[in-house]
Amino acid sequence: MTALRLTKPTLAVLEILIASTDDKPPWGLSICHEADLGPGTVYPILDRLKTLGWVTTRVEEEPHPGRPPRMYYTLTGAGRAESTAAIAARRTRRRGAFRLAGGAA
C-alpha cells in the first residue's frame, strides 16, 4: 500500500475529519468549504484515505429533493490514530526546521 503524502491540503482534510463527530460527520462539499479547497483536490484525497482504510463512507439515507444524497466520511479507529500521529509528527518536524532556521519556538 502506498504511503500517504502529507501535503497541506491533505493535512487540512485530516484535521477536519479529526474534528468531526459521529453525530455530525462531514460530507464532501462541506469538507471543500471548510478546508477552502476545490472538489478536484478534496475528493482524490478522500479516495486515497478510503483506499488506505483510514476513512469509511456512508450515503445519506433521508431523501432531499433537489440534490443527490450526500456521502459522509468518518475516520476509522486506525485512521484516527494514523492521522493524529501523522499530524503530530509533521508539527514536530516543522518546529525542528523552524529552530534550525534560527526562528524562535
N, C-alpha and C. Protein backbone atom coordinates (compact mmCIF):
# COMPACT_ATOMS: atom_id res chain seq x y z
N MET A 1 0.84 -1.18 0.00
CA MET A 1 0.00 0.00 0.00
C MET A 1 0.89 1.25 0.00
N THR A 2 0.50 2.24 -0.73
CA THR A 2 1.27 3.47 -0.86
C THR A 2 1.13 4.32 0.40
N ALA A 3 2.22 4.94 0.82
CA ALA A 3 2.17 5.84 1.97
C ALA A 3 1.46 7.12 1.57
N LEU A 4 0.84 7.75 2.52
CA LEU A 4 0.11 8.99 2.27
C LEU A 4 1.06 10.17 2.34
N ARG A 5 1.03 11.02 1.31
CA ARG A 5 1.83 12.25 1.32
C ARG A 5 1.08 13.29 2.14
N LEU A 6 1.76 13.86 3.10
CA LEU A 6 1.12 14.84 3.98
C LEU A 6 1.28 16.25 3.44
N THR A 7 0.60 16.52 2.36
CA THR A 7 0.60 17.86 1.78
C THR A 7 -0.30 18.76 2.63
N LYS A 8 -0.21 20.06 2.41
CA LYS A 8 -1.08 20.99 3.15
C LYS A 8 -2.55 20.67 2.93
N PRO A 9 -3.00 20.40 1.70
CA PRO A 9 -4.41 20.04 1.53
C PRO A 9 -4.79 18.75 2.26
N THR A 10 -3.91 17.76 2.23
CA THR A 10 -4.20 16.51 2.93
C THR A 10 -4.31 16.75 4.43
N LEU A 11 -3.40 17.53 4.98
CA LEU A 11 -3.46 17.86 6.41
C LEU A 11 -4.74 18.60 6.75
N ALA A 12 -5.17 19.51 5.89
CA ALA A 12 -6.42 20.25 6.13
C ALA A 12 -7.61 19.30 6.17
N VAL A 13 -7.66 18.35 5.24
CA VAL A 13 -8.75 17.38 5.21
C VAL A 13 -8.71 16.50 6.46
N LEU A 14 -7.52 16.03 6.83
CA LEU A 14 -7.39 15.19 8.03
C LEU A 14 -7.83 15.93 9.28
N GLU A 15 -7.46 17.19 9.40
CA GLU A 15 -7.85 17.96 10.58
C GLU A 15 -9.36 18.12 10.66
N ILE A 16 -10.02 18.30 9.54
CA ILE A 16 -11.49 18.39 9.52
C ILE A 16 -12.10 17.06 9.95
N LEU A 17 -11.56 15.98 9.43
CA LEU A 17 -12.08 14.66 9.79
C LEU A 17 -11.86 14.35 11.27
N ILE A 18 -10.71 14.74 11.80
CA ILE A 18 -10.43 14.51 13.22
C ILE A 18 -11.39 15.31 14.09
N ALA A 19 -11.69 16.53 13.68
CA ALA A 19 -12.56 17.40 14.48
C ALA A 19 -14.04 17.02 14.38
N SER A 20 -14.40 16.19 13.43
CA SER A 20 -15.81 15.84 13.25
C SER A 20 -16.28 14.88 14.34
N THR A 21 -17.59 14.81 14.49
CA THR A 21 -18.19 13.92 15.48
C THR A 21 -19.05 12.87 14.77
N ASP A 22 -19.32 11.78 15.47
CA ASP A 22 -20.12 10.72 14.88
C ASP A 22 -21.54 11.18 14.56
N ASP A 23 -22.07 12.09 15.37
CA ASP A 23 -23.43 12.55 15.13
C ASP A 23 -23.51 13.63 14.06
N LYS A 24 -22.36 14.17 13.66
CA LYS A 24 -22.33 15.18 12.60
C LYS A 24 -21.09 14.98 11.72
N PRO A 25 -21.08 13.88 10.95
CA PRO A 25 -19.91 13.64 10.09
C PRO A 25 -19.90 14.60 8.90
N PRO A 26 -18.73 14.95 8.40
CA PRO A 26 -18.66 15.83 7.25
C PRO A 26 -18.98 15.09 5.96
N TRP A 27 -19.46 15.81 4.98
CA TRP A 27 -19.67 15.27 3.64
C TRP A 27 -18.73 16.01 2.71
N GLY A 28 -18.59 15.52 1.51
CA GLY A 28 -17.60 16.02 0.57
C GLY A 28 -17.55 17.53 0.41
N LEU A 29 -18.67 18.14 0.04
CA LEU A 29 -18.64 19.59 -0.19
C LEU A 29 -18.46 20.39 1.08
N SER A 30 -18.90 19.86 2.23
CA SER A 30 -18.65 20.58 3.49
C SER A 30 -17.16 20.61 3.79
N ILE A 31 -16.46 19.53 3.44
CA ILE A 31 -15.01 19.48 3.63
C ILE A 31 -14.34 20.49 2.69
N CYS A 32 -14.82 20.55 1.45
CA CYS A 32 -14.28 21.52 0.48
C CYS A 32 -14.41 22.95 1.02
N HIS A 33 -15.59 23.28 1.52
CA HIS A 33 -15.83 24.63 2.03
C HIS A 33 -14.99 24.92 3.27
N GLU A 34 -14.97 23.98 4.21
CA GLU A 34 -14.25 24.20 5.46
C GLU A 34 -12.73 24.28 5.23
N ALA A 35 -12.22 23.49 4.31
CA ALA A 35 -10.77 23.49 4.03
C ALA A 35 -10.39 24.56 3.02
N ASP A 36 -11.38 25.20 2.42
CA ASP A 36 -11.15 26.20 1.37
C ASP A 36 -10.36 25.59 0.21
N LEU A 37 -10.81 24.40 -0.19
CA LEU A 37 -10.18 23.68 -1.30
C LEU A 37 -11.25 23.26 -2.29
N GLY A 38 -10.86 23.09 -3.52
CA GLY A 38 -11.80 22.66 -4.55
C GLY A 38 -12.06 21.17 -4.51
N PRO A 39 -13.18 20.76 -5.09
CA PRO A 39 -13.50 19.33 -5.11
C PRO A 39 -12.47 18.49 -5.87
N GLY A 40 -11.79 19.08 -6.85
CA GLY A 40 -10.75 18.37 -7.59
C GLY A 40 -9.53 18.06 -6.73
N THR A 41 -9.43 18.72 -5.59
CA THR A 41 -8.36 18.44 -4.63
C THR A 41 -8.86 17.52 -3.52
N VAL A 42 -10.04 17.83 -2.99
CA VAL A 42 -10.56 17.11 -1.81
C VAL A 42 -10.96 15.68 -2.13
N TYR A 43 -11.71 15.46 -3.20
CA TYR A 43 -12.21 14.11 -3.47
C TYR A 43 -11.08 13.10 -3.75
N PRO A 44 -10.03 13.45 -4.47
CA PRO A 44 -8.92 12.49 -4.60
C PRO A 44 -8.26 12.17 -3.25
N ILE A 45 -8.16 13.16 -2.37
CA ILE A 45 -7.60 12.91 -1.04
C ILE A 45 -8.50 11.93 -0.29
N LEU A 46 -9.81 12.17 -0.33
CA LEU A 46 -10.75 11.27 0.36
C LEU A 46 -10.69 9.86 -0.23
N ASP A 47 -10.53 9.76 -1.54
CA ASP A 47 -10.39 8.44 -2.18
C ASP A 47 -9.13 7.72 -1.69
N ARG A 48 -8.01 8.46 -1.58
CA ARG A 48 -6.77 7.85 -1.08
C ARG A 48 -6.94 7.40 0.37
N LEU A 49 -7.60 8.23 1.19
CA LEU A 49 -7.82 7.87 2.59
C LEU A 49 -8.70 6.61 2.69
N LYS A 50 -9.68 6.52 1.82
CA LYS A 50 -10.55 5.33 1.83
C LYS A 50 -9.75 4.09 1.40
N THR A 51 -8.92 4.23 0.37
CA THR A 51 -8.09 3.12 -0.10
C THR A 51 -7.15 2.63 1.00
N LEU A 52 -6.62 3.57 1.78
CA LEU A 52 -5.72 3.22 2.89
C LEU A 52 -6.46 2.62 4.08
N GLY A 53 -7.78 2.70 4.07
CA GLY A 53 -8.58 2.19 5.19
C GLY A 53 -8.68 3.19 6.34
N TRP A 54 -8.36 4.46 6.06
CA TRP A 54 -8.41 5.48 7.11
C TRP A 54 -9.81 6.05 7.27
N VAL A 55 -10.63 6.00 6.24
CA VAL A 55 -12.00 6.51 6.33
C VAL A 55 -12.99 5.49 5.80
N THR A 56 -14.20 5.59 6.32
CA THR A 56 -15.32 4.84 5.78
C THR A 56 -16.32 5.86 5.26
N THR A 57 -17.18 5.39 4.40
CA THR A 57 -18.20 6.28 3.83
C THR A 57 -19.57 5.66 4.05
N ARG A 58 -20.56 6.55 4.08
CA ARG A 58 -21.94 6.09 4.06
C ARG A 58 -22.75 7.13 3.31
N VAL A 59 -23.75 6.65 2.63
CA VAL A 59 -24.60 7.52 1.83
C VAL A 59 -25.77 7.98 2.70
N GLU A 60 -26.12 9.23 2.56
CA GLU A 60 -27.26 9.82 3.27
C GLU A 60 -28.53 9.01 2.93
N GLU A 61 -29.29 8.67 3.96
CA GLU A 61 -30.46 7.83 3.74
C GLU A 61 -31.74 8.63 3.52
N GLU A 62 -31.86 9.79 4.15
CA GLU A 62 -33.08 10.58 4.02
C GLU A 62 -33.09 11.27 2.65
N PRO A 63 -34.22 11.23 1.95
CA PRO A 63 -34.26 11.90 0.64
C PRO A 63 -34.31 13.42 0.79
N HIS A 64 -33.61 14.10 -0.08
CA HIS A 64 -33.61 15.56 -0.11
C HIS A 64 -33.88 16.00 -1.53
N PRO A 65 -35.10 16.50 -1.78
CA PRO A 65 -35.43 16.93 -3.15
C PRO A 65 -34.48 18.02 -3.64
N GLY A 66 -34.09 17.92 -4.87
CA GLY A 66 -33.27 18.96 -5.48
C GLY A 66 -31.78 18.74 -5.40
N ARG A 67 -31.34 17.69 -4.74
CA ARG A 67 -29.91 17.40 -4.70
C ARG A 67 -29.70 15.91 -4.49
N PRO A 68 -28.57 15.41 -4.93
CA PRO A 68 -28.29 13.99 -4.70
C PRO A 68 -27.96 13.73 -3.23
N PRO A 69 -28.04 12.48 -2.80
CA PRO A 69 -27.69 12.17 -1.42
C PRO A 69 -26.22 12.49 -1.14
N ARG A 70 -25.95 12.90 0.08
CA ARG A 70 -24.58 13.22 0.49
C ARG A 70 -23.83 11.93 0.83
N MET A 71 -22.51 11.98 0.62
CA MET A 71 -21.62 10.91 1.04
C MET A 71 -20.91 11.41 2.29
N TYR A 72 -21.13 10.74 3.41
CA TYR A 72 -20.50 11.13 4.67
C TYR A 72 -19.19 10.36 4.86
N TYR A 73 -18.19 11.04 5.45
CA TYR A 73 -16.87 10.46 5.66
C TYR A 73 -16.56 10.42 7.15
N THR A 74 -16.11 9.26 7.63
CA THR A 74 -15.77 9.08 9.04
C THR A 74 -14.43 8.37 9.14
N LEU A 75 -13.58 8.86 10.01
CA LEU A 75 -12.30 8.18 10.24
C LEU A 75 -12.54 6.84 10.92
N THR A 76 -11.81 5.83 10.51
CA THR A 76 -11.82 4.55 11.21
C THR A 76 -10.96 4.70 12.47
N GLY A 77 -10.98 3.72 13.34
CA GLY A 77 -10.12 3.76 14.52
C GLY A 77 -8.66 3.88 14.14
N ALA A 78 -8.26 3.05 13.17
CA ALA A 78 -6.87 3.10 12.70
C ALA A 78 -6.59 4.42 11.99
N GLY A 79 -7.56 4.90 11.23
CA GLY A 79 -7.40 6.17 10.52
C GLY A 79 -7.24 7.34 11.48
N ARG A 80 -8.00 7.33 12.57
CA ARG A 80 -7.88 8.40 13.56
C ARG A 80 -6.50 8.36 14.21
N ALA A 81 -6.04 7.15 14.56
CA ALA A 81 -4.73 7.01 15.19
C ALA A 81 -3.61 7.43 14.22
N GLU A 82 -3.69 6.97 12.98
CA GLU A 82 -2.67 7.30 11.98
C GLU A 82 -2.69 8.80 11.67
N SER A 83 -3.88 9.38 11.54
CA SER A 83 -4.00 10.81 11.24
C SER A 83 -3.42 11.66 12.36
N THR A 84 -3.79 11.33 13.58
CA THR A 84 -3.30 12.08 14.73
C THR A 84 -1.78 11.98 14.83
N ALA A 85 -1.25 10.78 14.64
CA ALA A 85 0.20 10.59 14.70
C ALA A 85 0.90 11.33 13.56
N ALA A 86 0.33 11.29 12.37
CA ALA A 86 0.94 11.95 11.21
C ALA A 86 0.96 13.47 11.40
N ILE A 87 -0.13 14.02 11.90
CA ILE A 87 -0.19 15.47 12.12
C ILE A 87 0.78 15.88 13.21
N ALA A 88 0.86 15.10 14.29
CA ALA A 88 1.80 15.41 15.37
C ALA A 88 3.24 15.33 14.88
N ALA A 89 3.56 14.31 14.09
CA ALA A 89 4.92 14.18 13.56
C ALA A 89 5.25 15.33 12.63
N ARG A 90 4.30 15.73 11.82
CA ARG A 90 4.52 16.86 10.90
C ARG A 90 4.78 18.14 11.68
N ARG A 91 4.00 18.37 12.73
CA ARG A 91 4.20 19.57 13.55
C ARG A 91 5.56 19.55 14.23
N THR A 92 5.99 18.39 14.71
CA THR A 92 7.29 18.26 15.35
C THR A 92 8.40 18.56 14.35
N ARG A 93 8.30 18.01 13.15
CA ARG A 93 9.30 18.28 12.11
C ARG A 93 9.33 19.75 11.75
N ARG A 94 8.17 20.37 11.64
CA ARG A 94 8.10 21.79 11.28
C ARG A 94 8.75 22.65 12.37
N ARG A 95 8.49 22.33 13.64
CA ARG A 95 9.11 23.09 14.74
C ARG A 95 10.61 22.94 14.71
N GLY A 96 11.09 21.72 14.44
CA GLY A 96 12.52 21.47 14.36
C GLY A 96 13.16 22.24 13.22
N ALA A 97 12.51 22.28 12.08
CA ALA A 97 13.04 23.02 10.93
C ALA A 97 13.05 24.51 11.22
N PHE A 98 12.04 24.99 11.94
CA PHE A 98 11.97 26.41 12.28
C PHE A 98 13.13 26.79 13.22
N ARG A 99 13.41 25.91 14.17
CA ARG A 99 14.53 26.17 15.09
C ARG A 99 15.87 26.17 14.34
N LEU A 100 16.02 25.23 13.40
CA LEU A 100 17.27 25.14 12.64
C LEU A 100 17.48 26.40 11.79
N ALA A 101 16.37 27.01 11.37
CA ALA A 101 16.46 28.21 10.54
C ALA A 101 16.71 29.46 11.39
N GLY A 102 16.80 29.28 12.70
CA GLY A 102 17.10 30.42 13.57
C GLY A 102 15.87 31.12 14.11
N GLY A 103 14.71 30.53 13.95
CA GLY A 103 13.47 31.13 14.46
C GLY A 103 13.27 30.80 15.93
N ALA A 104 12.41 31.54 16.56
CA ALA A 104 12.06 31.28 17.95
C ALA A 104 10.88 30.35 18.00
N ALA A 105 10.92 29.38 18.91
CA ALA A 105 9.85 28.39 19.01
C ALA A 105 8.79 28.80 19.96
